[in-house]
Amino acid sequence: MKREDITVIFGAVQVSPVEMAESVLSLCLDELGGSLGSYFVPLEFDSASDSYEPKEELLDLNGREDLMNRVRGLSNCLWRCHINLGIASGYVYPAVFLEPSGTQATTLLLLIEGKITRFIEENEETRIPLFVSLCRFAAAVGADSFFSGLYIDEWKPLDKAQVFERGELGPMPFCLAWKPATINEKKLQAQLEIPADGIVETLTGYRLVDLIV
């Protein structure tokens, strides 16, 4: 049976969708040596659910330049790359979308295919390496934090108060990561009952905690 995709939502950044997409492509294609597929999905904001939703699935994306032209025209969209995440290779679906409020801030959301979900669930030692690879995405786009897990159905900007202050993490959280001094770490530790040695320092400049139980 296919396992649920991992969803990763990064903190919003004061850049345009075009700038963010360029940063993501530079990491995926140039640094990680990945490939860009033909899959492309425009996203549309749904005021009833207060989140973005995929529109029609297209299979006509023709390379990097075509993708950037579509991002310039649509702003809110999703595409597919095949990359090496350090622990395994697989499909990653980056999505970029603007703040619904109209402010010039863009959110990066990643979907990571279910075979990676199963792999890290069955191989505990691969979790931290995967989460560290996600820190590279955060650093590439300039996000100060991210949250990942399963069954995250609403595609909208990361609510840092909800996640980092109130500890509302959904049914199956995987990881929280942040840059030092951007959140109240003592409050987070108390809220989630994180032991003193439960916070991992990474060379990327982010701190993270593994929430998989």
N, C-alpha and C. Protein backbone atom coordinates (compact mmCIF):
# COMPACT_ATOMS: atom_id res chain seq x y z
N MET A 1 0.84 -1.20 0.00
CA MET A 1 0.00 0.00 0.00
C MET A 1 0.88 1.26 0.00
N LYS A 2 0.50 2.23 -0.80
CA LYS A 2 1.27 3.47 -0.90
C LYS A 2 1.17 4.26 0.41
N ARG A 3 2.28 4.76 0.87
CA ARG A 3 2.32 5.55 2.10
C ARG A 3 2.03 7.00 1.78
N GLU A 4 1.50 7.72 2.76
CA GLU A 4 1.17 9.14 2.61
C GLU A 4 2.43 9.96 2.31
N ASP A 5 2.27 10.98 1.43
CA ASP A 5 3.36 11.91 1.16
C ASP A 5 3.69 12.73 2.40
N ILE A 6 4.96 13.08 2.55
CA ILE A 6 5.37 14.02 3.58
C ILE A 6 5.12 15.43 3.08
N THR A 7 4.50 16.26 3.90
CA THR A 7 4.30 17.67 3.58
C THR A 7 5.24 18.51 4.43
N VAL A 8 5.91 19.46 3.79
CA VAL A 8 6.81 20.37 4.50
C VAL A 8 6.38 21.80 4.17
N ILE A 9 6.09 22.59 5.19
CA ILE A 9 5.71 23.99 5.00
C ILE A 9 6.78 24.87 5.62
N PHE A 10 7.33 25.76 4.82
CA PHE A 10 8.40 26.65 5.28
C PHE A 10 7.82 28.02 5.64
N GLY A 11 8.50 28.70 6.55
CA GLY A 11 8.08 30.05 6.90
C GLY A 11 8.11 30.97 5.70
N ALA A 12 7.14 31.87 5.62
CA ALA A 12 7.05 32.80 4.49
C ALA A 12 8.28 33.71 4.44
N VAL A 13 8.66 34.09 3.21
CA VAL A 13 9.83 34.93 2.98
C VAL A 13 9.43 36.12 2.12
N GLN A 14 10.04 37.26 2.40
CA GLN A 14 9.71 38.49 1.66
C GLN A 14 10.42 38.51 0.30
N VAL A 15 10.02 37.59 -0.55
CA VAL A 15 10.51 37.55 -1.93
C VAL A 15 9.33 37.22 -2.82
N SER A 16 9.52 37.36 -4.11
CA SER A 16 8.47 37.03 -5.06
C SER A 16 8.47 35.52 -5.33
N PRO A 17 7.36 34.97 -5.85
CA PRO A 17 7.36 33.57 -6.24
C PRO A 17 8.44 33.24 -7.27
N VAL A 18 8.73 34.17 -8.14
CA VAL A 18 9.77 33.95 -9.15
C VAL A 18 11.13 33.77 -8.48
N GLU A 19 11.45 34.66 -7.54
CA GLU A 19 12.73 34.56 -6.84
C GLU A 19 12.82 33.25 -6.06
N MET A 20 11.72 32.87 -5.42
CA MET A 20 11.74 31.63 -4.64
C MET A 20 11.89 30.42 -5.55
N ALA A 21 11.16 30.41 -6.65
CA ALA A 21 11.27 29.29 -7.59
C ALA A 21 12.69 29.17 -8.14
N GLU A 22 13.32 30.30 -8.43
CA GLU A 22 14.70 30.27 -8.92
C GLU A 22 15.63 29.65 -7.88
N SER A 23 15.42 29.99 -6.60
CA SER A 23 16.26 29.44 -5.54
C SER A 23 16.06 27.94 -5.40
N VAL A 24 14.81 27.50 -5.49
CA VAL A 24 14.51 26.07 -5.37
C VAL A 24 15.11 25.30 -6.54
N LEU A 25 14.99 25.82 -7.74
CA LEU A 25 15.55 25.16 -8.92
C LEU A 25 17.06 25.11 -8.86
N SER A 26 17.67 26.17 -8.37
CA SER A 26 19.13 26.18 -8.25
C SER A 26 19.59 25.08 -7.31
N LEU A 27 18.88 24.88 -6.20
CA LEU A 27 19.23 23.82 -5.26
C LEU A 27 18.97 22.44 -5.88
N CYS A 28 17.77 22.24 -6.40
CA CYS A 28 17.38 20.92 -6.90
C CYS A 28 18.17 20.48 -8.12
N LEU A 29 18.34 21.38 -9.07
CA LEU A 29 18.96 21.01 -10.34
C LEU A 29 20.46 21.23 -10.36
N ASP A 30 20.91 22.37 -9.87
CA ASP A 30 22.33 22.70 -9.98
C ASP A 30 23.17 22.07 -8.86
N GLU A 31 22.68 22.18 -7.61
CA GLU A 31 23.47 21.67 -6.49
C GLU A 31 23.26 20.17 -6.25
N LEU A 32 22.01 19.72 -6.34
CA LEU A 32 21.71 18.32 -6.05
C LEU A 32 21.70 17.44 -7.29
N GLY A 33 21.84 18.05 -8.46
CA GLY A 33 21.91 17.28 -9.70
C GLY A 33 20.62 16.58 -10.08
N GLY A 34 19.50 17.15 -9.66
CA GLY A 34 18.21 16.54 -9.95
C GLY A 34 17.72 16.83 -11.35
N SER A 35 16.51 16.35 -11.64
CA SER A 35 15.91 16.57 -12.95
C SER A 35 14.49 17.11 -12.78
N LEU A 36 14.08 17.89 -13.75
CA LEU A 36 12.76 18.51 -13.75
C LEU A 36 11.83 17.73 -14.66
N GLY A 37 10.66 17.38 -14.14
CA GLY A 37 9.70 16.61 -14.94
C GLY A 37 8.76 17.49 -15.72
N SER A 38 7.79 16.88 -16.39
CA SER A 38 6.81 17.61 -17.20
C SER A 38 5.55 17.97 -16.41
N TYR A 39 5.49 17.51 -15.15
CA TYR A 39 4.28 17.69 -14.34
C TYR A 39 4.19 19.12 -13.81
N PHE A 40 3.01 19.72 -13.94
CA PHE A 40 2.80 21.10 -13.50
C PHE A 40 1.34 21.28 -13.09
N VAL A 41 1.14 21.99 -11.97
CA VAL A 41 -0.22 22.23 -11.47
C VAL A 41 -0.36 23.68 -11.01
N PRO A 42 -1.25 24.46 -11.63
CA PRO A 42 -1.56 25.79 -11.10
C PRO A 42 -2.31 25.64 -9.77
N LEU A 43 -2.09 26.59 -8.86
CA LEU A 43 -2.79 26.59 -7.59
C LEU A 43 -3.75 27.76 -7.52
N GLU A 44 -4.86 27.55 -6.85
CA GLU A 44 -5.89 28.58 -6.73
C GLU A 44 -6.30 28.73 -5.27
N PHE A 45 -6.39 29.98 -4.80
CA PHE A 45 -6.78 30.20 -3.42
C PHE A 45 -8.28 30.02 -3.24
N ASP A 46 -8.65 29.22 -2.25
CA ASP A 46 -10.05 28.96 -1.94
C ASP A 46 -10.40 29.68 -0.65
N SER A 47 -11.21 30.72 -0.73
CA SER A 47 -11.53 31.52 0.45
C SER A 47 -12.34 30.74 1.48
N ALA A 48 -13.09 29.75 1.04
CA ALA A 48 -13.90 28.96 1.97
C ALA A 48 -13.01 28.15 2.92
N SER A 49 -11.95 27.56 2.39
CA SER A 49 -11.04 26.76 3.22
C SER A 49 -9.83 27.57 3.69
N ASP A 50 -9.71 28.79 3.18
CA ASP A 50 -8.59 29.67 3.53
C ASP A 50 -7.24 29.03 3.19
N SER A 51 -7.20 28.31 2.08
CA SER A 51 -5.96 27.66 1.68
C SER A 51 -5.91 27.52 0.16
N TYR A 52 -4.73 27.17 -0.34
CA TYR A 52 -4.57 26.96 -1.78
C TYR A 52 -4.94 25.53 -2.14
N GLU A 53 -5.49 25.36 -3.33
CA GLU A 53 -5.88 24.04 -3.81
C GLU A 53 -5.38 23.85 -5.24
N PRO A 54 -4.99 22.64 -5.59
CA PRO A 54 -4.54 22.38 -6.97
C PRO A 54 -5.69 22.46 -7.96
N LYS A 55 -5.39 23.00 -9.13
CA LYS A 55 -6.36 23.00 -10.23
C LYS A 55 -6.05 21.80 -11.13
N GLU A 56 -6.15 21.97 -12.42
CA GLU A 56 -5.94 20.84 -13.32
C GLU A 56 -4.48 20.43 -13.37
N GLU A 57 -4.24 19.11 -13.45
CA GLU A 57 -2.89 18.58 -13.58
C GLU A 57 -2.49 18.61 -15.05
N LEU A 58 -1.30 19.14 -15.31
CA LEU A 58 -0.80 19.25 -16.67
C LEU A 58 0.49 18.44 -16.79
N LEU A 59 0.73 17.91 -17.97
CA LEU A 59 1.94 17.13 -18.23
C LEU A 59 2.69 17.70 -19.42
N ASP A 60 2.69 19.03 -19.53
CA ASP A 60 3.28 19.66 -20.70
C ASP A 60 4.41 20.63 -20.36
N LEU A 61 4.96 20.53 -19.15
CA LEU A 61 6.06 21.43 -18.79
C LEU A 61 7.30 21.07 -19.60
N ASN A 62 7.90 22.10 -20.19
CA ASN A 62 9.01 21.86 -21.12
C ASN A 62 10.28 22.56 -20.63
N GLY A 63 10.78 22.09 -19.50
CA GLY A 63 12.07 22.58 -19.05
C GLY A 63 12.01 23.76 -18.09
N ARG A 64 13.19 24.16 -17.69
CA ARG A 64 13.36 25.19 -16.65
C ARG A 64 12.84 26.56 -17.09
N GLU A 65 13.16 26.95 -18.30
CA GLU A 65 12.72 28.28 -18.78
C GLU A 65 11.19 28.34 -18.87
N ASP A 66 10.59 27.27 -19.32
CA ASP A 66 9.12 27.21 -19.39
C ASP A 66 8.52 27.32 -18.00
N LEU A 67 9.11 26.63 -17.03
CA LEU A 67 8.61 26.72 -15.67
C LEU A 67 8.68 28.14 -15.14
N MET A 68 9.80 28.80 -15.34
CA MET A 68 9.95 30.16 -14.83
C MET A 68 8.96 31.11 -15.50
N ASN A 69 8.69 30.91 -16.78
CA ASN A 69 7.70 31.75 -17.46
C ASN A 69 6.31 31.53 -16.86
N ARG A 70 5.99 30.30 -16.50
CA ARG A 70 4.69 30.02 -15.89
C ARG A 70 4.58 30.61 -14.49
N VAL A 71 5.67 30.54 -13.74
CA VAL A 71 5.65 31.15 -12.40
C VAL A 71 5.47 32.66 -12.52
N ARG A 72 6.11 33.27 -13.49
CA ARG A 72 5.94 34.72 -13.69
C ARG A 72 4.49 35.06 -14.00
N GLY A 73 3.82 34.20 -14.75
CA GLY A 73 2.44 34.49 -15.13
C GLY A 73 1.41 34.13 -14.08
N LEU A 74 1.66 33.05 -13.32
CA LEU A 74 0.65 32.53 -12.39
C LEU A 74 0.95 32.82 -10.93
N SER A 75 2.22 32.91 -10.57
CA SER A 75 2.70 33.08 -9.19
C SER A 75 2.51 31.83 -8.34
N ASN A 76 1.30 31.26 -8.31
CA ASN A 76 0.99 30.17 -7.40
C ASN A 76 0.92 28.86 -8.18
N CYS A 77 1.87 27.95 -7.94
CA CYS A 77 1.91 26.72 -8.74
C CYS A 77 2.79 25.66 -8.09
N LEU A 78 2.72 24.45 -8.65
CA LEU A 78 3.47 23.29 -8.16
C LEU A 78 4.07 22.56 -9.35
N TRP A 79 5.27 21.97 -9.15
CA TRP A 79 5.89 21.19 -10.21
C TRP A 79 6.60 19.99 -9.57
N ARG A 80 7.27 19.17 -10.37
CA ARG A 80 7.91 17.96 -9.85
C ARG A 80 9.37 17.89 -10.25
N CYS A 81 10.21 17.49 -9.27
CA CYS A 81 11.62 17.22 -9.52
C CYS A 81 11.96 15.84 -8.97
N HIS A 82 12.95 15.21 -9.57
CA HIS A 82 13.50 13.97 -9.02
C HIS A 82 14.90 14.30 -8.51
N ILE A 83 15.11 14.10 -7.19
CA ILE A 83 16.39 14.50 -6.58
C ILE A 83 16.86 13.45 -5.59
N ASN A 84 18.12 13.58 -5.21
CA ASN A 84 18.71 12.76 -4.16
C ASN A 84 18.60 13.53 -2.85
N LEU A 85 17.87 12.97 -1.90
CA LEU A 85 17.66 13.62 -0.61
C LEU A 85 18.71 13.21 0.41
N GLY A 86 19.78 12.59 -0.03
CA GLY A 86 20.83 12.19 0.88
C GLY A 86 20.65 10.77 1.38
N ILE A 87 19.44 10.39 1.74
CA ILE A 87 19.16 9.03 2.22
C ILE A 87 18.62 8.16 1.10
N ALA A 88 18.01 8.76 0.11
CA ALA A 88 17.41 8.05 -1.02
C ALA A 88 17.02 9.06 -2.08
N SER A 89 16.80 8.58 -3.29
CA SER A 89 16.30 9.43 -4.37
C SER A 89 14.79 9.28 -4.49
N GLY A 90 14.14 10.35 -4.90
CA GLY A 90 12.70 10.25 -5.06
C GLY A 90 12.12 11.53 -5.64
N TYR A 91 10.81 11.52 -5.81
CA TYR A 91 10.11 12.68 -6.35
C TYR A 91 9.77 13.66 -5.24
N VAL A 92 10.06 14.92 -5.54
CA VAL A 92 9.70 16.03 -4.65
C VAL A 92 8.88 17.01 -5.46
N TYR A 93 7.81 17.50 -4.86
CA TYR A 93 6.90 18.43 -5.54
C TYR A 93 6.96 19.78 -4.84
N PRO A 94 7.78 20.72 -5.34
CA PRO A 94 7.80 22.05 -4.75
C PRO A 94 6.58 22.87 -5.21
N ALA A 95 6.04 23.64 -4.29
CA ALA A 95 4.96 24.57 -4.60
C ALA A 95 5.31 25.93 -4.01
N VAL A 96 5.02 26.97 -4.74
CA VAL A 96 5.20 28.33 -4.24
C VAL A 96 3.86 29.06 -4.34
N PHE A 97 3.57 29.86 -3.31
CA PHE A 97 2.33 30.64 -3.36
C PHE A 97 2.46 31.89 -2.48
N LEU A 98 1.73 32.91 -2.90
CA LEU A 98 1.75 34.20 -2.22
C LEU A 98 0.89 34.18 -0.96
N GLU A 99 1.18 35.11 -0.05
CA GLU A 99 0.32 35.31 1.11
C GLU A 99 -1.06 35.73 0.60
N PRO A 100 -2.13 35.07 1.05
CA PRO A 100 -3.48 35.44 0.60
C PRO A 100 -3.86 36.87 0.96
N SER A 101 -3.24 37.41 2.01
CA SER A 101 -3.57 38.77 2.46
C SER A 101 -3.12 39.83 1.47
N GLY A 102 -2.27 39.43 0.52
CA GLY A 102 -1.82 40.39 -0.48
C GLY A 102 -0.45 40.97 -0.20
N THR A 103 0.14 40.65 0.97
CA THR A 103 1.50 41.12 1.24
C THR A 103 2.48 40.39 0.34
N GLN A 104 3.58 41.03 0.06
CA GLN A 104 4.56 40.45 -0.86
C GLN A 104 5.47 39.46 -0.12
N ALA A 105 4.88 38.35 0.28
CA ALA A 105 5.64 37.27 0.91
C ALA A 105 5.23 35.97 0.25
N THR A 106 6.19 35.07 0.10
CA THR A 106 5.95 33.82 -0.60
C THR A 106 6.28 32.64 0.30
N THR A 107 5.46 31.60 0.22
CA THR A 107 5.67 30.38 0.98
C THR A 107 6.12 29.26 0.04
N LEU A 108 7.09 28.47 0.53
CA LEU A 108 7.48 27.24 -0.15
C LEU A 108 6.86 26.07 0.59
N LEU A 109 6.22 25.19 -0.17
CA LEU A 109 5.68 23.93 0.36
C LEU A 109 6.27 22.80 -0.45
N LEU A 110 6.70 21.74 0.21
CA LEU A 110 7.21 20.56 -0.48
C LEU A 110 6.35 19.35 -0.17
N LEU A 111 6.07 18.57 -1.19
CA LEU A 111 5.52 17.23 -1.00
C LEU A 111 6.62 16.25 -1.37
N ILE A 112 6.85 15.28 -0.49
CA ILE A 112 7.87 14.26 -0.73
C ILE A 112 7.17 12.92 -0.84
N GLU A 113 7.44 12.20 -1.91
CA GLU A 113 6.66 11.01 -2.22
C GLU A 113 6.67 9.97 -1.10
N GLY A 114 5.61 9.17 -1.08
CA GLY A 114 5.37 8.22 0.00
C GLY A 114 6.42 7.15 0.20
N LYS A 115 7.19 6.83 -0.82
CA LYS A 115 8.22 5.81 -0.63
C LYS A 115 9.30 6.30 0.34
N ILE A 116 9.52 7.63 0.38
CA ILE A 116 10.47 8.20 1.34
C ILE A 116 9.88 8.13 2.74
N THR A 117 8.56 8.37 2.84
CA THR A 117 7.88 8.25 4.13
C THR A 117 8.11 6.87 4.72
N ARG A 118 7.84 5.86 3.93
CA ARG A 118 8.00 4.48 4.40
C ARG A 118 9.46 4.20 4.78
N PHE A 119 10.37 4.71 3.98
CA PHE A 119 11.80 4.45 4.21
C PHE A 119 12.25 5.00 5.56
N ILE A 120 11.88 6.24 5.89
CA ILE A 120 12.35 6.81 7.16
C ILE A 120 11.59 6.23 8.36
N GLU A 121 10.37 5.77 8.13
CA GLU A 121 9.64 5.12 9.22
C GLU A 121 10.26 3.76 9.55
N GLU A 122 10.78 3.08 8.54
CA GLU A 122 11.36 1.76 8.75
C GLU A 122 12.84 1.82 9.10
N ASN A 123 13.47 2.97 8.87
CA ASN A 123 14.90 3.12 9.12
C ASN A 123 15.13 4.39 9.93
N GLU A 124 15.03 4.26 11.24
CA GLU A 124 15.06 5.42 12.13
C GLU A 124 16.31 6.27 11.95
N GLU A 125 17.43 5.64 11.63
CA GLU A 125 18.69 6.37 11.51
C GLU A 125 18.71 7.33 10.31
N THR A 126 17.72 7.23 9.42
CA THR A 126 17.68 8.10 8.24
C THR A 126 16.88 9.38 8.47
N ARG A 127 16.21 9.47 9.60
CA ARG A 127 15.33 10.62 9.82
C ARG A 127 16.09 11.94 9.91
N ILE A 128 17.07 12.00 10.78
CA ILE A 128 17.81 13.25 10.94
C ILE A 128 18.50 13.66 9.64
N PRO A 129 19.16 12.74 8.92
CA PRO A 129 19.73 13.15 7.62
C PRO A 129 18.70 13.74 6.66
N LEU A 130 17.48 13.17 6.65
CA LEU A 130 16.44 13.75 5.79
C LEU A 130 16.07 15.14 6.27
N PHE A 131 15.88 15.30 7.56
CA PHE A 131 15.48 16.61 8.09
C PHE A 131 16.58 17.66 7.85
N VAL A 132 17.83 17.23 7.93
CA VAL A 132 18.93 18.16 7.64
C VAL A 132 18.89 18.58 6.17
N SER A 133 18.54 17.65 5.28
CA SER A 133 18.43 18.01 3.86
C SER A 133 17.31 19.03 3.64
N LEU A 134 16.26 18.96 4.46
CA LEU A 134 15.19 19.95 4.36
C LEU A 134 15.67 21.32 4.84
N CYS A 135 16.62 21.32 5.78
CA CYS A 135 17.20 22.59 6.22
C CYS A 135 17.91 23.28 5.06
N ARG A 136 18.44 22.50 4.12
CA ARG A 136 19.09 23.10 2.95
C ARG A 136 18.07 23.86 2.10
N PHE A 137 16.85 23.32 2.00
CA PHE A 137 15.80 24.04 1.29
C PHE A 137 15.47 25.35 2.01
N ALA A 138 15.35 25.27 3.34
CA ALA A 138 15.05 26.48 4.11
C ALA A 138 16.12 27.53 3.90
N ALA A 139 17.39 27.10 3.96
CA ALA A 139 18.48 28.05 3.77
C ALA A 139 18.49 28.62 2.35
N ALA A 140 18.17 27.78 1.37
CA ALA A 140 18.19 28.22 -0.03
C ALA A 140 17.19 29.34 -0.29
N VAL A 141 16.02 29.27 0.34
CA VAL A 141 14.99 30.29 0.08
C VAL A 141 14.95 31.37 1.15
N GLY A 142 15.72 31.19 2.24
CA GLY A 142 15.76 32.20 3.29
C GLY A 142 14.67 32.09 4.33
N ALA A 143 14.07 30.90 4.46
CA ALA A 143 13.02 30.70 5.46
C ALA A 143 13.64 30.50 6.85
N ASP A 144 13.01 31.06 7.87
CA ASP A 144 13.57 30.94 9.22
C ASP A 144 13.09 29.70 9.96
N SER A 145 12.16 28.93 9.37
CA SER A 145 11.60 27.77 10.06
C SER A 145 10.85 26.90 9.08
N PHE A 146 10.56 25.65 9.52
CA PHE A 146 9.65 24.81 8.76
C PHE A 146 9.05 23.74 9.66
N PHE A 147 7.97 23.17 9.19
CA PHE A 147 7.26 22.12 9.89
C PHE A 147 6.92 21.04 8.87
N SER A 148 7.09 19.77 9.26
CA SER A 148 6.75 18.69 8.34
C SER A 148 5.95 17.61 9.06
N GLY A 149 5.14 16.90 8.28
CA GLY A 149 4.35 15.82 8.83
C GLY A 149 3.46 15.20 7.76
N LEU A 150 2.61 14.31 8.19
CA LEU A 150 1.64 13.67 7.30
C LEU A 150 0.25 14.25 7.55
N TYR A 151 -0.61 14.09 6.57
CA TYR A 151 -2.02 14.50 6.68
C TYR A 151 -2.18 15.99 6.96
N ILE A 152 -1.32 16.79 6.32
CA ILE A 152 -1.46 18.25 6.38
C ILE A 152 -2.25 18.64 5.14
N ASP A 153 -3.53 18.84 5.31
CA ASP A 153 -4.42 19.01 4.16
C ASP A 153 -4.55 20.45 3.68
N GLU A 154 -4.20 21.40 4.53
CA GLU A 154 -4.38 22.81 4.16
C GLU A 154 -3.06 23.39 3.69
N TRP A 155 -3.05 23.87 2.45
CA TRP A 155 -1.86 24.48 1.87
C TRP A 155 -1.97 25.99 2.07
N LYS A 156 -1.33 26.46 3.10
CA LYS A 156 -1.35 27.89 3.39
C LYS A 156 -0.09 28.25 4.17
N PRO A 157 0.19 29.55 4.32
CA PRO A 157 1.42 29.95 5.01
C PRO A 157 1.52 29.35 6.41
N LEU A 158 2.74 29.09 6.83
CA LEU A 158 3.00 28.51 8.14
C LEU A 158 2.56 29.48 9.23
N ASP A 159 1.71 29.00 10.13
CA ASP A 159 1.28 29.78 11.29
C ASP A 159 2.24 29.47 12.43
N LYS A 160 3.24 30.33 12.62
CA LYS A 160 4.28 30.05 13.60
C LYS A 160 3.73 30.02 15.02
N ALA A 161 2.74 30.86 15.32
CA ALA A 161 2.15 30.85 16.67
C ALA A 161 1.46 29.51 16.94
N GLN A 162 0.75 29.03 15.94
CA GLN A 162 0.04 27.75 16.08
C GLN A 162 1.02 26.60 16.30
N VAL A 163 2.08 26.59 15.54
CA VAL A 163 3.03 25.47 15.58
C VAL A 163 4.02 25.59 16.73
N PHE A 164 4.70 26.74 16.83
CA PHE A 164 5.81 26.87 17.76
C PHE A 164 5.39 27.35 19.16
N GLU A 165 4.25 28.00 19.27
CA GLU A 165 3.83 28.49 20.58
C GLU A 165 2.74 27.62 21.20
N ARG A 166 1.77 27.22 20.39
CA ARG A 166 0.67 26.43 20.93
C ARG A 166 0.87 24.92 20.72
N GLY A 167 1.85 24.55 19.91
CA GLY A 167 2.15 23.14 19.72
C GLY A 167 1.06 22.36 19.01
N GLU A 168 0.31 23.04 18.14
CA GLU A 168 -0.76 22.37 17.39
C GLU A 168 -0.16 21.83 16.10
N LEU A 169 0.16 20.54 16.09
CA LEU A 169 0.99 19.96 15.04
C LEU A 169 0.28 18.97 14.14
N GLY A 170 -1.01 18.77 14.32
CA GLY A 170 -1.72 17.83 13.46
C GLY A 170 -1.53 16.39 13.93
N PRO A 171 -2.11 15.44 13.18
CA PRO A 171 -2.15 14.05 13.65
C PRO A 171 -0.82 13.32 13.61
N MET A 172 0.07 13.63 12.67
CA MET A 172 1.33 12.89 12.55
C MET A 172 2.49 13.83 12.21
N PRO A 173 2.96 14.62 13.18
CA PRO A 173 4.10 15.50 12.92
C PRO A 173 5.39 14.72 12.77
N PHE A 174 6.29 15.23 11.92
CA PHE A 174 7.58 14.58 11.70
C PHE A 174 8.73 15.40 12.26
N CYS A 175 8.75 16.70 11.95
CA CYS A 175 9.91 17.52 12.30
C CYS A 175 9.53 18.99 12.43
N LEU A 176 10.19 19.66 13.36
CA LEU A 176 10.17 21.11 13.46
C LEU A 176 11.60 21.60 13.34
N ALA A 177 11.82 22.70 12.65
CA ALA A 177 13.15 23.26 12.54
C ALA A 177 13.06 24.78 12.54
N TRP A 178 14.08 25.44 13.06
CA TRP A 178 14.05 26.89 13.17
C TRP A 178 15.47 27.43 13.29
N LYS A 179 15.62 28.71 13.01
CA LYS A 179 16.88 29.39 13.24
C LYS A 179 16.89 29.89 14.69
N PRO A 180 18.03 29.82 15.36
CA PRO A 180 18.10 30.30 16.73
C PRO A 180 17.64 31.75 16.86
N ALA A 181 16.99 32.04 17.98
CA ALA A 181 16.51 33.38 18.32
C ALA A 181 15.27 33.80 17.54
N THR A 182 14.69 32.88 16.74
CA THR A 182 13.47 33.24 16.02
C THR A 182 12.21 32.73 16.72
N ILE A 183 12.38 31.84 17.71
CA ILE A 183 11.25 31.35 18.49
C ILE A 183 11.64 31.27 19.96
N ASN A 184 10.66 31.06 20.83
CA ASN A 184 10.90 30.86 22.25
C ASN A 184 11.15 29.36 22.48
N GLU A 185 12.41 28.97 22.53
CA GLU A 185 12.75 27.56 22.61
C GLU A 185 12.32 26.93 23.93
N LYS A 186 12.44 27.65 25.02
CA LYS A 186 12.04 27.09 26.31
C LYS A 186 10.54 26.79 26.34
N LYS A 187 9.77 27.69 25.77
CA LYS A 187 8.32 27.47 25.71
C LYS A 187 8.00 26.27 24.83
N LEU A 188 8.72 26.15 23.70
CA LEU A 188 8.50 25.02 22.79
C LEU A 188 8.84 23.70 23.48
N GLN A 189 9.97 23.67 24.19
CA GLN A 189 10.37 22.45 24.88
C GLN A 189 9.35 22.03 25.92
N ALA A 190 8.83 23.02 26.66
CA ALA A 190 7.84 22.71 27.68
C ALA A 190 6.53 22.25 27.06
N GLN A 191 6.12 22.93 25.98
CA GLN A 191 4.86 22.62 25.33
C GLN A 191 4.86 21.20 24.76
N LEU A 192 5.96 20.80 24.14
CA LEU A 192 6.03 19.50 23.47
C LEU A 192 6.77 18.45 24.30
N GLU A 193 7.19 18.84 25.51
CA GLU A 193 7.91 17.92 26.40
C GLU A 193 9.15 17.35 25.71
N ILE A 194 9.93 18.25 25.12
CA ILE A 194 11.17 17.86 24.44
C ILE A 194 12.29 17.77 25.47
N PRO A 195 12.98 16.65 25.56
CA PRO A 195 14.08 16.54 26.52
C PRO A 195 15.23 17.47 26.14
N ALA A 196 16.12 17.70 27.09
CA ALA A 196 17.23 18.64 26.87
C ALA A 196 18.09 18.24 25.69
N ASP A 197 18.24 16.93 25.47
CA ASP A 197 19.06 16.48 24.36
C ASP A 197 18.25 16.19 23.10
N GLY A 198 17.00 16.63 23.07
CA GLY A 198 16.12 16.34 21.94
C GLY A 198 16.23 17.32 20.80
N ILE A 199 16.94 18.43 21.01
CA ILE A 199 17.12 19.42 19.95
C ILE A 199 18.46 19.20 19.27
N VAL A 200 18.42 19.05 17.96
CA VAL A 200 19.63 18.75 17.18
C VAL A 200 20.16 20.03 16.55
N GLU A 201 21.44 20.32 16.77
CA GLU A 201 22.12 21.43 16.11
C GLU A 201 22.63 20.96 14.76
N THR A 202 22.40 21.73 13.72
CA THR A 202 22.87 21.33 12.39
C THR A 202 23.89 22.33 11.86
N LEU A 203 24.70 21.88 10.93
CA LEU A 203 25.71 22.75 10.33
C LEU A 203 25.08 23.78 9.40
N THR A 204 23.80 23.61 9.09
CA THR A 204 23.11 24.57 8.23
C THR A 204 22.70 25.84 8.98
N GLY A 205 22.85 25.83 10.31
CA GLY A 205 22.45 26.98 11.11
C GLY A 205 21.06 26.86 11.69
N TYR A 206 20.41 25.75 11.44
CA TYR A 206 19.06 25.51 11.99
C TYR A 206 19.14 24.51 13.14
N ARG A 207 18.18 24.60 14.03
CA ARG A 207 17.98 23.59 15.07
C ARG A 207 16.71 22.83 14.72
N LEU A 208 16.68 21.56 15.05
CA LEU A 208 15.50 20.77 14.70
C LEU A 208 15.21 19.72 15.77
N VAL A 209 13.97 19.24 15.74
CA VAL A 209 13.56 18.19 16.64
C VAL A 209 12.78 17.14 15.85
N ASP A 210 13.11 15.88 16.09
CA ASP A 210 12.42 14.74 15.47
C ASP A 210 11.17 14.44 16.29
N LEU A 211 10.00 14.52 15.65
CA LEU A 211 8.74 14.34 16.35
C LEU A 211 8.07 12.99 16.05
N ILE A 212 8.74 12.14 15.28
CA ILE A 212 8.14 10.87 14.92
C ILE A 212 8.14 9.94 16.14
N VAL A 213 7.00 9.35 16.42
CA VAL A 213 6.90 8.44 17.58
C VAL A 213 6.59 7.04 17.09
